[in-house]
Amino acid sequence: MFSLSPPEKKVVIIIACVIFLGTLIRFFNLEVNDTIVSHQPVSKQIQIIDINKADSNKLQEISGIGPVLSLQIIEYREARGPFKTIDDLKKVKGIGKKKAKIMKNYIKF
């Protein structure tokens, strides 16, 4: 039929190995993703958090609030009193219209 030189044989072997490894990675990646998806809950209940009583860890459960912003909320609350409206919350550095709009679904006053 045809014969390959030693360098050509090496190239063919390398290509075959890359294809084989890619197939293995793809196969196991699909298996892992299928397992993760099948164990996720169908619906997640939203927990409403009292913005005037929550500690730093509880505040961080709200989407978009990290450690720094949670401390800023607590400091603002302690210095100026409880939040009464979403507009009060917008006065905290780092909370704008977008973040306040998202947060209002997760908090109560």
PDB file of N, CA and C in Angstrom:
ATOM      1  N   MET A   1       0.819  -1.168   0.000  1.00  0.00           N
ATOM      2  CA  MET A   1       0.000   0.000   0.000  1.00  0.00           C
ATOM      3  C   MET A   1       0.877   1.250   0.000  1.00  0.00           C
ATOM      4  N   PHE A   2       1.119   1.787   1.176  1.00  0.00           N
ATOM      5  CA  PHE A   2       1.991   2.947   1.273  1.00  0.00           C
ATOM      6  C   PHE A   2       2.826   2.810   2.534  1.00  0.00           C
ATOM      7  N   SER A   3       3.957   3.429   2.527  1.00  0.00           N
ATOM      8  CA  SER A   3       4.809   3.359   3.707  1.00  0.00           C
ATOM      9  C   SER A   3       5.107   4.775   4.205  1.00  0.00           C
ATOM     10  N   LEU A   4       5.256   4.873   5.512  1.00  0.00           N
ATOM     11  CA  LEU A   4       5.544   6.170   6.131  1.00  0.00           C
ATOM     12  C   LEU A   4       6.969   6.177   6.652  1.00  0.00           C
ATOM     13  N   SER A   5       7.568   7.320   6.559  1.00  0.00           N
ATOM     14  CA  SER A   5       8.907   7.467   7.117  1.00  0.00           C
ATOM     15  C   SER A   5       8.787   7.563   8.641  1.00  0.00           C
ATOM     16  N   PRO A   6       9.866   7.313   9.394  1.00  0.00           N
ATOM     17  CA  PRO A   6       9.798   7.397  10.863  1.00  0.00           C
ATOM     18  C   PRO A   6       9.246   8.728  11.389  1.00  0.00           C
ATOM     19  N   PRO A   7       9.636   9.894  10.839  1.00  0.00           N
ATOM     20  CA  PRO A   7       9.037  11.143  11.341  1.00  0.00           C
ATOM     21  C   PRO A   7       7.527  11.218  11.057  1.00  0.00           C
ATOM     22  N   GLU A   8       7.103  10.692   9.912  1.00  0.00           N
ATOM     23  CA  GLU A   8       5.682  10.694   9.591  1.00  0.00           C
ATOM     24  C   GLU A   8       4.904   9.780  10.533  1.00  0.00           C
ATOM     25  N   LYS A   9       5.493   8.650  10.882  1.00  0.00           N
ATOM     26  CA  LYS A   9       4.849   7.728  11.831  1.00  0.00           C
ATOM     27  C   LYS A   9       4.662   8.417  13.189  1.00  0.00           C
ATOM     28  N   LYS A  10       5.682   9.171  13.633  1.00  0.00           N
ATOM     29  CA  LYS A  10       5.580   9.890  14.909  1.00  0.00           C
ATOM     30  C   LYS A  10       4.427  10.885  14.879  1.00  0.00           C
ATOM     31  N   VAL A  11       4.286  11.609  13.782  1.00  0.00           N
ATOM     32  CA  VAL A  11       3.217  12.597  13.651  1.00  0.00           C
ATOM     33  C   VAL A  11       1.855  11.909  13.700  1.00  0.00           C
ATOM     34  N   VAL A  12       1.715  10.798  13.010  1.00  0.00           N
ATOM     35  CA  VAL A  12       0.449  10.058  13.003  1.00  0.00           C
ATOM     36  C   VAL A  12       0.126   9.564  14.409  1.00  0.00           C
ATOM     37  N   ILE A  13       1.115   9.056  15.129  1.00  0.00           N
ATOM     38  CA  ILE A  13       0.908   8.565  16.495  1.00  0.00           C
ATOM     39  C   ILE A  13       0.506   9.728  17.418  1.00  0.00           C
ATOM     40  N   ILE A  14       1.157  10.871  17.294  1.00  0.00           N
ATOM     41  CA  ILE A  14       0.831  12.036  18.120  1.00  0.00           C
ATOM     42  C   ILE A  14      -0.602  12.502  17.855  1.00  0.00           C
ATOM     43  N   ILE A  15      -0.977  12.572  16.593  1.00  0.00           N
ATOM     44  CA  ILE A  15      -2.343  12.986  16.239  1.00  0.00           C
ATOM     45  C   ILE A  15      -3.356  12.005  16.808  1.00  0.00           C
ATOM     46  N   ALA A  16      -3.078  10.710  16.692  1.00  0.00           N
ATOM     47  CA  ALA A  16      -3.987   9.699  17.231  1.00  0.00           C
ATOM     48  C   ALA A  16      -4.116   9.833  18.746  1.00  0.00           C
ATOM     49  N   CYS A  17      -3.007  10.095  19.420  1.00  0.00           N
ATOM     50  CA  CYS A  17      -3.038  10.269  20.885  1.00  0.00           C
ATOM     51  C   CYS A  17      -3.859  11.492  21.281  1.00  0.00           C
ATOM     52  N   VAL A  18      -3.693  12.581  20.558  1.00  0.00           N
ATOM     53  CA  VAL A  18      -4.442  13.807  20.855  1.00  0.00           C
ATOM     54  C   VAL A  18      -5.937  13.566  20.660  1.00  0.00           C
ATOM     55  N   ILE A  19      -6.303  12.900  19.597  1.00  0.00           N
ATOM     56  CA  ILE A  19      -7.716  12.592  19.345  1.00  0.00           C
ATOM     57  C   ILE A  19      -8.256  11.683  20.438  1.00  0.00           C
ATOM     58  N   PHE A  20      -7.502  10.681  20.833  1.00  0.00           N
ATOM     59  CA  PHE A  20      -7.926   9.758  21.882  1.00  0.00           C
ATOM     60  C   PHE A  20      -8.114  10.487  23.208  1.00  0.00           C
ATOM     61  N   LEU A  21      -7.130  11.310  23.582  1.00  0.00           N
ATOM     62  CA  LEU A  21      -7.226  12.062  24.834  1.00  0.00           C
ATOM     63  C   LEU A  21      -8.402  13.038  24.810  1.00  0.00           C
ATOM     64  N   GLY A  22      -8.602  13.697  23.697  1.00  0.00           N
ATOM     65  CA  GLY A  22      -9.744  14.618  23.565  1.00  0.00           C
ATOM     66  C   GLY A  22     -11.069  13.893  23.734  1.00  0.00           C
ATOM     67  N   THR A  23     -11.161  12.698  23.169  1.00  0.00           N
ATOM     68  CA  THR A  23     -12.378  11.892  23.305  1.00  0.00           C
ATOM     69  C   THR A  23     -12.596  11.499  24.757  1.00  0.00           C
ATOM     70  N   LEU A  24     -11.532  11.086  25.450  1.00  0.00           N
ATOM     71  CA  LEU A  24     -11.653  10.726  26.869  1.00  0.00           C
ATOM     72  C   LEU A  24     -12.096  11.916  27.710  1.00  0.00           C
ATOM     73  N   ILE A  25     -11.474  13.052  27.481  1.00  0.00           N
ATOM     74  CA  ILE A  25     -11.823  14.251  28.243  1.00  0.00           C
ATOM     75  C   ILE A  25     -13.280  14.629  27.995  1.00  0.00           C
ATOM     76  N   ARG A  26     -13.691  14.605  26.769  1.00  0.00           N
ATOM     77  CA  ARG A  26     -15.084  14.941  26.413  1.00  0.00           C
ATOM     78  C   ARG A  26     -16.043  13.963  27.077  1.00  0.00           C
ATOM     79  N   PHE A  27     -15.732  12.684  27.057  1.00  0.00           N
ATOM     80  CA  PHE A  27     -16.598  11.663  27.642  1.00  0.00           C
ATOM     81  C   PHE A  27     -16.756  11.877  29.141  1.00  0.00           C
ATOM     82  N   PHE A  28     -15.641  12.038  29.855  1.00  0.00           N
ATOM     83  CA  PHE A  28     -15.718  12.194  31.305  1.00  0.00           C
ATOM     84  C   PHE A  28     -16.302  13.538  31.695  1.00  0.00           C
ATOM     85  N   ASN A  29     -16.083  14.560  30.910  1.00  0.00           N
ATOM     86  CA  ASN A  29     -16.675  15.865  31.186  1.00  0.00           C
ATOM     87  C   ASN A  29     -18.190  15.794  31.090  1.00  0.00           C
ATOM     88  N   LEU A  30     -18.712  15.108  30.101  1.00  0.00           N
ATOM     89  CA  LEU A  30     -20.160  14.949  29.966  1.00  0.00           C
ATOM     90  C   LEU A  30     -20.725  14.160  31.136  1.00  0.00           C
ATOM     91  N   GLU A  31     -20.031  13.136  31.588  1.00  0.00           N
ATOM     92  CA  GLU A  31     -20.493  12.339  32.719  1.00  0.00           C
ATOM     93  C   GLU A  31     -20.581  13.184  33.979  1.00  0.00           C
ATOM     94  N   VAL A  32     -19.582  14.001  34.233  1.00  0.00           N
ATOM     95  CA  VAL A  32     -19.575  14.849  35.424  1.00  0.00           C
ATOM     96  C   VAL A  32     -20.705  15.863  35.346  1.00  0.00           C
ATOM     97  N   ASN A  33     -20.862  16.537  34.198  1.00  0.00           N
ATOM     98  CA  ASN A  33     -21.919  17.536  34.063  1.00  0.00           C
ATOM     99  C   ASN A  33     -23.294  16.926  34.211  1.00  0.00           C
ATOM    100  N   ASP A  34     -23.516  15.743  33.665  1.00  0.00           N
ATOM    101  CA  ASP A  34     -24.807  15.083  33.804  1.00  0.00           C
ATOM    102  C   ASP A  34     -25.109  14.798  35.261  1.00  0.00           C
ATOM    103  N   THR A  35     -24.111  14.374  36.006  1.00  0.00           N
ATOM    104  CA  THR A  35     -24.303  14.065  37.417  1.00  0.00           C
ATOM    105  C   THR A  35     -24.650  15.317  38.202  1.00  0.00           C
ATOM    106  N   ILE A  36     -23.954  16.398  37.959  1.00  0.00           N
ATOM    107  CA  ILE A  36     -24.202  17.639  38.686  1.00  0.00           C
ATOM    108  C   ILE A  36     -25.605  18.153  38.404  1.00  0.00           C
ATOM    109  N   VAL A  37     -25.998  18.173  37.150  1.00  0.00           N
ATOM    110  CA  VAL A  37     -27.304  18.693  36.781  1.00  0.00           C
ATOM    111  C   VAL A  37     -28.414  17.847  37.384  1.00  0.00           C
ATOM    112  N   SER A  38     -28.228  16.536  37.425  1.00  0.00           N
ATOM    113  CA  SER A  38     -29.294  15.671  37.919  1.00  0.00           C
ATOM    114  C   SER A  38     -29.502  15.789  39.419  1.00  0.00           C
ATOM    115  N   HIS A  39     -28.522  16.351  40.165  1.00  0.00           N
ATOM    116  CA  HIS A  39     -28.662  16.482  41.602  1.00  0.00           C
ATOM    117  C   HIS A  39     -29.062  17.877  42.056  1.00  0.00           C
ATOM    118  N   GLN A  40     -29.271  18.792  41.130  1.00  0.00           N
ATOM    119  CA  GLN A  40     -29.666  20.137  41.514  1.00  0.00           C
ATOM    120  C   GLN A  40     -31.156  20.161  41.833  1.00  0.00           C
ATOM    121  N   PRO A  41     -31.547  20.956  42.831  1.00  0.00           N
ATOM    122  CA  PRO A  41     -32.962  21.043  43.165  1.00  0.00           C
ATOM    123  C   PRO A  41     -33.746  21.694  42.030  1.00  0.00           C
ATOM    124  N   VAL A  42     -34.988  21.288  41.900  1.00  0.00           N
ATOM    125  CA  VAL A  42     -35.827  21.813  40.830  1.00  0.00           C
ATOM    126  C   VAL A  42     -36.126  23.287  41.069  1.00  0.00           C
ATOM    127  N   SER A  43     -36.440  23.647  42.299  1.00  0.00           N
ATOM    128  CA  SER A  43     -36.694  25.045  42.597  1.00  0.00           C
ATOM    129  C   SER A  43     -36.018  25.410  43.909  1.00  0.00           C
ATOM    130  N   LYS A  44     -35.525  26.627  43.976  1.00  0.00           N
ATOM    131  CA  LYS A  44     -34.854  27.095  45.176  1.00  0.00           C
ATOM    132  C   LYS A  44     -35.711  28.199  45.775  1.00  0.00           C
ATOM    133  N   GLN A  45     -36.084  28.030  47.020  1.00  0.00           N
ATOM    134  CA  GLN A  45     -36.918  29.008  47.680  1.00  0.00           C
ATOM    135  C   GLN A  45     -36.068  30.213  48.078  1.00  0.00           C
ATOM    136  N   ILE A  46     -36.582  31.397  47.812  1.00  0.00           N
ATOM    137  CA  ILE A  46     -35.881  32.621  48.147  1.00  0.00           C
ATOM    138  C   ILE A  46     -36.117  32.934  49.620  1.00  0.00           C
ATOM    139  N   GLN A  47     -35.026  33.183  50.345  1.00  0.00           N
ATOM    140  CA  GLN A  47     -35.135  33.548  51.747  1.00  0.00           C
ATOM    141  C   GLN A  47     -35.048  35.064  51.854  1.00  0.00           C
ATOM    142  N   ILE A  48     -36.048  35.659  52.496  1.00  0.00           N
ATOM    143  CA  ILE A  48     -36.079  37.104  52.691  1.00  0.00           C
ATOM    144  C   ILE A  48     -35.289  37.444  53.954  1.00  0.00           C
ATOM    145  N   ILE A  49     -34.412  38.432  53.840  1.00  0.00           N
ATOM    146  CA  ILE A  49     -33.525  38.812  54.939  1.00  0.00           C
ATOM    147  C   ILE A  49     -33.893  40.202  55.438  1.00  0.00           C
ATOM    148  N   ASP A  50     -33.977  40.350  56.744  1.00  0.00           N
ATOM    149  CA  ASP A  50     -34.246  41.654  57.352  1.00  0.00           C
ATOM    150  C   ASP A  50     -32.963  42.477  57.300  1.00  0.00           C
ATOM    151  N   ILE A  51     -32.957  43.484  56.464  1.00  0.00           N
ATOM    152  CA  ILE A  51     -31.760  44.293  56.227  1.00  0.00           C
ATOM    153  C   ILE A  51     -31.312  45.039  57.481  1.00  0.00           C
ATOM    154  N   ASN A  52     -32.226  45.249  58.418  1.00  0.00           N
ATOM    155  CA  ASN A  52     -31.907  45.999  59.630  1.00  0.00           C
ATOM    156  C   ASN A  52     -31.426  45.117  60.779  1.00  0.00           C
ATOM    157  N   LYS A  53     -31.527  43.814  60.632  1.00  0.00           N
ATOM    158  CA  LYS A  53     -31.117  42.906  61.707  1.00  0.00           C
ATOM    159  C   LYS A  53     -30.021  41.926  61.290  1.00  0.00           C
ATOM    160  N   ALA A  54     -29.824  41.750  59.996  1.00  0.00           N
ATOM    161  CA  ALA A  54     -28.898  40.732  59.490  1.00  0.00           C
ATOM    162  C   ALA A  54     -27.445  41.065  59.811  1.00  0.00           C
ATOM    163  N   ASP A  55     -26.691  40.024  60.164  1.00  0.00           N
ATOM    164  CA  ASP A  55     -25.256  40.205  60.364  1.00  0.00           C
ATOM    165  C   ASP A  55     -24.543  40.105  59.013  1.00  0.00           C
ATOM    166  N   SER A  56     -23.241  40.253  59.025  1.00  0.00           N
ATOM    167  CA  SER A  56     -22.458  40.269  57.792  1.00  0.00           C
ATOM    168  C   SER A  56     -22.634  38.982  56.981  1.00  0.00           C
ATOM    169  N   ASN A  57     -22.578  37.844  57.651  1.00  0.00           N
ATOM    170  CA  ASN A  57     -22.716  36.566  56.931  1.00  0.00           C
ATOM    171  C   ASN A  57     -24.082  36.427  56.284  1.00  0.00           C
ATOM    172  N   LYS A  58     -25.114  36.845  56.977  1.00  0.00           N
ATOM    173  CA  LYS A  58     -26.477  36.748  56.435  1.00  0.00           C
ATOM    174  C   LYS A  58     -26.631  37.679  55.236  1.00  0.00           C
ATOM    175  N   LEU A  59     -26.077  38.885  55.338  1.00  0.00           N
ATOM    176  CA  LEU A  59     -26.167  39.834  54.226  1.00  0.00           C
ATOM    177  C   LEU A  59     -25.467  39.301  52.979  1.00  0.00           C
ATOM    178  N   GLN A  60     -24.403  38.539  53.165  1.00  0.00           N
ATOM    179  CA  GLN A  60     -23.659  38.003  52.027  1.00  0.00           C
ATOM    180  C   GLN A  60     -24.433  36.922  51.274  1.00  0.00           C
ATOM    181  N   GLU A  61     -25.510  36.452  51.831  1.00  0.00           N
ATOM    182  CA  GLU A  61     -26.365  35.489  51.129  1.00  0.00           C
ATOM    183  C   GLU A  61     -27.166  36.167  50.022  1.00  0.00           C
ATOM    184  N   ILE A  62     -27.254  37.488  50.071  1.00  0.00           N
ATOM    185  CA  ILE A  62     -27.974  38.246  49.055  1.00  0.00           C
ATOM    186  C   ILE A  62     -27.083  38.384  47.826  1.00  0.00           C
ATOM    187  N   SER A  63     -27.659  38.145  46.673  1.00  0.00           N
ATOM    188  CA  SER A  63     -26.913  38.226  45.422  1.00  0.00           C
ATOM    189  C   SER A  63     -26.273  39.601  45.255  1.00  0.00           C
ATOM    190  N   GLY A  64     -24.963  39.621  45.007  1.00  0.00           N
ATOM    191  CA  GLY A  64     -24.248  40.858  44.754  1.00  0.00           C
ATOM    192  C   GLY A  64     -23.629  41.506  45.985  1.00  0.00           C
ATOM    193  N   ILE A  65     -23.841  40.912  47.165  1.00  0.00           N
ATOM    194  CA  ILE A  65     -23.255  41.477  48.373  1.00  0.00           C
ATOM    195  C   ILE A  65     -22.131  40.584  48.859  1.00  0.00           C
ATOM    196  N   GLY A  66     -20.949  41.179  48.951  1.00  0.00           N
ATOM    197  CA  GLY A  66     -19.788  40.459  49.447  1.00  0.00           C
ATOM    198  C   GLY A  66     -19.424  40.962  50.831  1.00  0.00           C
ATOM    199  N   PRO A  67     -18.268  40.550  51.334  1.00  0.00           N
ATOM    200  CA  PRO A  67     -17.856  40.933  52.682  1.00  0.00           C
ATOM    201  C   PRO A  67     -17.733  42.447  52.894  1.00  0.00           C
ATOM    202  N   VAL A  68     -17.163  43.134  51.930  1.00  0.00           N
ATOM    203  CA  VAL A  68     -16.952  44.576  52.083  1.00  0.00           C
ATOM    204  C   VAL A  68     -18.287  45.323  52.103  1.00  0.00           C
ATOM    205  N   LEU A  69     -19.152  45.019  51.148  1.00  0.00           N
ATOM    206  CA  LEU A  69     -20.436  45.713  51.071  1.00  0.00           C
ATOM    207  C   LEU A  69     -21.317  45.385  52.274  1.00  0.00           C
ATOM    208  N   SER A  70     -21.247  44.166  52.762  1.00  0.00           N
ATOM    209  CA  SER A  70     -22.050  43.809  53.936  1.00  0.00           C
ATOM    210  C   SER A  70     -21.618  44.640  55.147  1.00  0.00           C
ATOM    211  N   LEU A  71     -20.323  44.840  55.292  1.00  0.00           N
ATOM    212  CA  LEU A  71     -19.840  45.677  56.399  1.00  0.00           C
ATOM    213  C   LEU A  71     -20.233  47.139  56.216  1.00  0.00           C
ATOM    214  N   GLN A  72     -20.238  47.614  54.989  1.00  0.00           N
ATOM    215  CA  GLN A  72     -20.655  48.991  54.726  1.00  0.00           C
ATOM    216  C   GLN A  72     -22.133  49.182  55.077  1.00  0.00           C
ATOM    217  N   ILE A  73     -22.946  48.196  54.765  1.00  0.00           N
ATOM    218  CA  ILE A  73     -24.371  48.262  55.100  1.00  0.00           C
ATOM    219  C   ILE A  73     -24.542  48.328  56.617  1.00  0.00           C
ATOM    220  N   ILE A  74     -23.829  47.475  57.333  1.00  0.00           N
ATOM    221  CA  ILE A  74     -23.930  47.444  58.802  1.00  0.00           C
ATOM    222  C   ILE A  74     -23.436  48.760  59.399  1.00  0.00           C
ATOM    223  N   GLU A  75     -22.316  49.278  58.926  1.00  0.00           N
ATOM    224  CA  GLU A  75     -21.779  50.541  59.441  1.00  0.00           C
ATOM    225  C   GLU A  75     -22.749  51.694  59.180  1.00  0.00           C
ATOM    226  N   TYR A  76     -23.324  51.727  57.986  1.00  0.00           N
ATOM    227  CA  TYR A  76     -24.279  52.781  57.647  1.00  0.00           C
ATOM    228  C   TYR A  76     -25.509  52.679  58.553  1.00  0.00           C
ATOM    229  N   ARG A  77     -25.981  51.474  58.741  1.00  0.00           N
ATOM    230  CA  ARG A  77     -27.157  51.222  59.576  1.00  0.00           C
ATOM    231  C   ARG A  77     -26.905  51.639  61.023  1.00  0.00           C
ATOM    232  N   GLU A  78     -25.727  51.324  61.540  1.00  0.00           N
ATOM    233  CA  GLU A  78     -25.394  51.676  62.920  1.00  0.00           C
ATOM    234  C   GLU A  78     -25.215  53.185  63.086  1.00  0.00           C
ATOM    235  N   ALA A  79     -24.695  53.857  62.072  1.00  0.00           N
ATOM    236  CA  ALA A  79     -24.448  55.289  62.163  1.00  0.00           C
ATOM    237  C   ALA A  79     -25.719  56.116  61.946  1.00  0.00           C
ATOM    238  N   ARG A  80     -26.623  55.659  61.089  1.00  0.00           N
ATOM    239  CA  ARG A  80     -27.771  56.474  60.694  1.00  0.00           C
ATOM    240  C   ARG A  80     -29.126  55.884  61.053  1.00  0.00           C
ATOM    241  N   GLY A  81     -29.137  54.722  61.680  1.00  0.00           N
ATOM    242  CA  GLY A  81     -30.404  54.099  62.046  1.00  0.00           C
ATOM    243  C   GLY A  81     -30.880  53.125  60.988  1.00  0.00           C
ATOM    244  N   PRO A  82     -32.024  52.509  61.234  1.00  0.00           N
ATOM    245  CA  PRO A  82     -32.522  51.466  60.330  1.00  0.00           C
ATOM    246  C   PRO A  82     -32.925  52.007  58.959  1.00  0.00           C
ATOM    247  N   PHE A  83     -32.817  51.126  57.985  1.00  0.00           N
ATOM    248  CA  PHE A  83     -33.276  51.438  56.637  1.00  0.00           C
ATOM    249  C   PHE A  83     -34.801  51.335  56.638  1.00  0.00           C
ATOM    250  N   LYS A  84     -35.451  52.279  55.979  1.00  0.00           N
ATOM    251  CA  LYS A  84     -36.912  52.262  55.916  1.00  0.00           C
ATOM    252  C   LYS A  84     -37.413  51.987  54.508  1.00  0.00           C
ATOM    253  N   THR A  85     -36.631  52.388  53.518  1.00  0.00           N
ATOM    254  CA  THR A  85     -37.029  52.194  52.116  1.00  0.00           C
ATOM    255  C   THR A  85     -35.813  51.766  51.306  1.00  0.00           C
ATOM    256  N   ILE A  86     -36.082  51.369  50.098  1.00  0.00           N
ATOM    257  CA  ILE A  86     -35.005  50.980  49.185  1.00  0.00           C
ATOM    258  C   ILE A  86     -34.134  52.198  48.849  1.00  0.00           C
ATOM    259  N   ASP A  87     -34.730  53.387  48.860  1.00  0.00           N
ATOM    260  CA  ASP A  87     -33.952  54.604  48.603  1.00  0.00           C
ATOM    261  C   ASP A  87     -32.930  54.856  49.704  1.00  0.00           C
ATOM    262  N   ASP A  88     -33.258  54.484  50.946  1.00  0.00           N
ATOM    263  CA  ASP A  88     -32.286  54.595  52.034  1.00  0.00           C
ATOM    264  C   ASP A  88     -31.075  53.705  51.762  1.00  0.00           C
ATOM    265  N   LEU A  89     -31.350  52.548  51.231  1.00  0.00           N
ATOM    266  CA  LEU A  89     -30.285  51.581  50.949  1.00  0.00           C
ATOM    267  C   LEU A  89     -29.349  52.083  49.846  1.00  0.00           C
ATOM    268  N   LYS A  90     -29.895  52.842  48.910  1.00  0.00           N
ATOM    269  CA  LYS A  90     -29.083  53.384  47.809  1.00  0.00           C
ATOM    270  C   LYS A  90     -28.048  54.392  48.294  1.00  0.00           C
ATOM    271  N   LYS A  91     -28.198  54.873  49.512  1.00  0.00           N
ATOM    272  CA  LYS A  91     -27.253  55.846  50.068  1.00  0.00           C
ATOM    273  C   LYS A  91     -25.956  55.184  50.522  1.00  0.00           C
ATOM    274  N   VAL A  92     -25.963  53.860  50.614  1.00  0.00           N
ATOM    275  CA  VAL A  92     -24.750  53.124  50.989  1.00  0.00           C
ATOM    276  C   VAL A  92     -23.822  53.076  49.783  1.00  0.00           C
ATOM    277  N   LYS A  93     -22.555  53.427  50.004  1.00  0.00           N
ATOM    278  CA  LYS A  93     -21.575  53.411  48.916  1.00  0.00           C
ATOM    279  C   LYS A  93     -21.484  51.992  48.348  1.00  0.00           C
ATOM    280  N   GLY A  94     -21.641  51.884  47.044  1.00  0.00           N
ATOM    281  CA  GLY A  94     -21.564  50.577  46.388  1.00  0.00           C
ATOM    282  C   GLY A  94     -22.927  50.015  46.001  1.00  0.00           C
ATOM    283  N   ILE A  95     -23.990  50.685  46.428  1.00  0.00           N
ATOM    284  CA  ILE A  95     -25.337  50.235  46.063  1.00  0.00           C
ATOM    285  C   ILE A  95     -25.981  51.306  45.194  1.00  0.00           C
ATOM    286  N   GLY A  96     -26.130  50.964  43.935  1.00  0.00           N
ATOM    287  CA  GLY A  96     -26.779  51.868  42.987  1.00  0.00           C
ATOM    288  C   GLY A  96     -28.169  51.365  42.645  1.00  0.00           C
ATOM    289  N   LYS A  97     -28.744  51.933  41.593  1.00  0.00           N
ATOM    290  CA  LYS A  97     -30.102  51.560  41.187  1.00  0.00           C
ATOM    291  C   LYS A  97     -30.210  50.075  40.836  1.00  0.00           C
ATOM    292  N   LYS A  98     -29.242  49.591  40.055  1.00  0.00           N
ATOM    293  CA  LYS A  98     -29.286  48.187  39.610  1.00  0.00           C
ATOM    294  C   LYS A  98     -29.226  47.222  40.792  1.00  0.00           C
ATOM    295  N   LYS A  99     -28.237  47.423  41.651  1.00  0.00           N
ATOM    296  CA  LYS A  99     -28.053  46.524  42.783  1.00  0.00           C
ATOM    297  C   LYS A  99     -29.240  46.600  43.735  1.00  0.00           C
ATOM    298  N   ALA A 100     -29.760  47.804  43.955  1.00  0.00           N
ATOM    299  CA  ALA A 100     -30.921  47.974  44.836  1.00  0.00           C
ATOM    300  C   ALA A 100     -32.139  47.253  44.263  1.00  0.00           C
ATOM    301  N   LYS A 101     -32.298  47.315  42.950  1.00  0.00           N
ATOM    302  CA  LYS A 101     -33.433  46.645  42.300  1.00  0.00           C
ATOM    303  C   LYS A 101     -33.355  45.126  42.499  1.00  0.00           C
ATOM    304  N   ILE A 102     -32.155  44.582  42.389  1.00  0.00           N
ATOM    305  CA  ILE A 102     -31.959  43.146  42.612  1.00  0.00           C
ATOM    306  C   ILE A 102     -32.185  42.806  44.079  1.00  0.00           C
ATOM    307  N   MET A 103     -31.623  43.628  44.964  1.00  0.00           N
ATOM    308  CA  MET A 103     -31.691  43.365  46.401  1.00  0.00           C
ATOM    309  C   MET A 103     -33.106  43.398  46.945  1.00  0.00           C
ATOM    310  N   LYS A 104     -33.963  44.260  46.375  1.00  0.00           N
ATOM    311  CA  LYS A 104     -35.296  44.431  46.960  1.00  0.00           C
ATOM    312  C   LYS A 104     -36.122  43.150  46.922  1.00  0.00           C
ATOM    313  N   ASN A 105     -35.723  42.194  46.084  1.00  0.00           N
ATOM    314  CA  ASN A 105     -36.415  40.901  46.047  1.00  0.00           C
ATOM    315  C   ASN A 105     -35.999  39.966  47.175  1.00  0.00           C
ATOM    316  N   TYR A 106     -34.924  40.323  47.871  1.00  0.00           N
ATOM    317  CA  TYR A 106     -34.361  39.448  48.899  1.00  0.00           C
ATOM    318  C   TYR A 106     -34.389  40.037  50.302  1.00  0.00           C
ATOM    319  N   ILE A 107     -34.876  41.270  50.437  1.00  0.00           N
ATOM    320  CA  ILE A 107     -34.819  41.928  51.746  1.00  0.00           C
ATOM    321  C   ILE A 107     -36.179  42.415  52.220  1.00  0.00           C
ATOM    322  N   LYS A 108     -36.246  42.661  53.523  1.00  0.00           N
ATOM    323  CA  LYS A 108     -37.396  43.353  54.104  1.00  0.00           C
ATOM    324  C   LYS A 108     -36.840  44.401  55.067  1.00  0.00           C
ATOM    325  N   PHE A 109     -37.674  45.390  55.367  1.00  0.00           N
ATOM    326  CA  PHE A 109     -37.250  46.478  56.238  1.00  0.00           C
ATOM    327  C   PHE A 109     -37.906  46.336  57.601  1.00  0.00           C
TER     328      PHE A 109
END
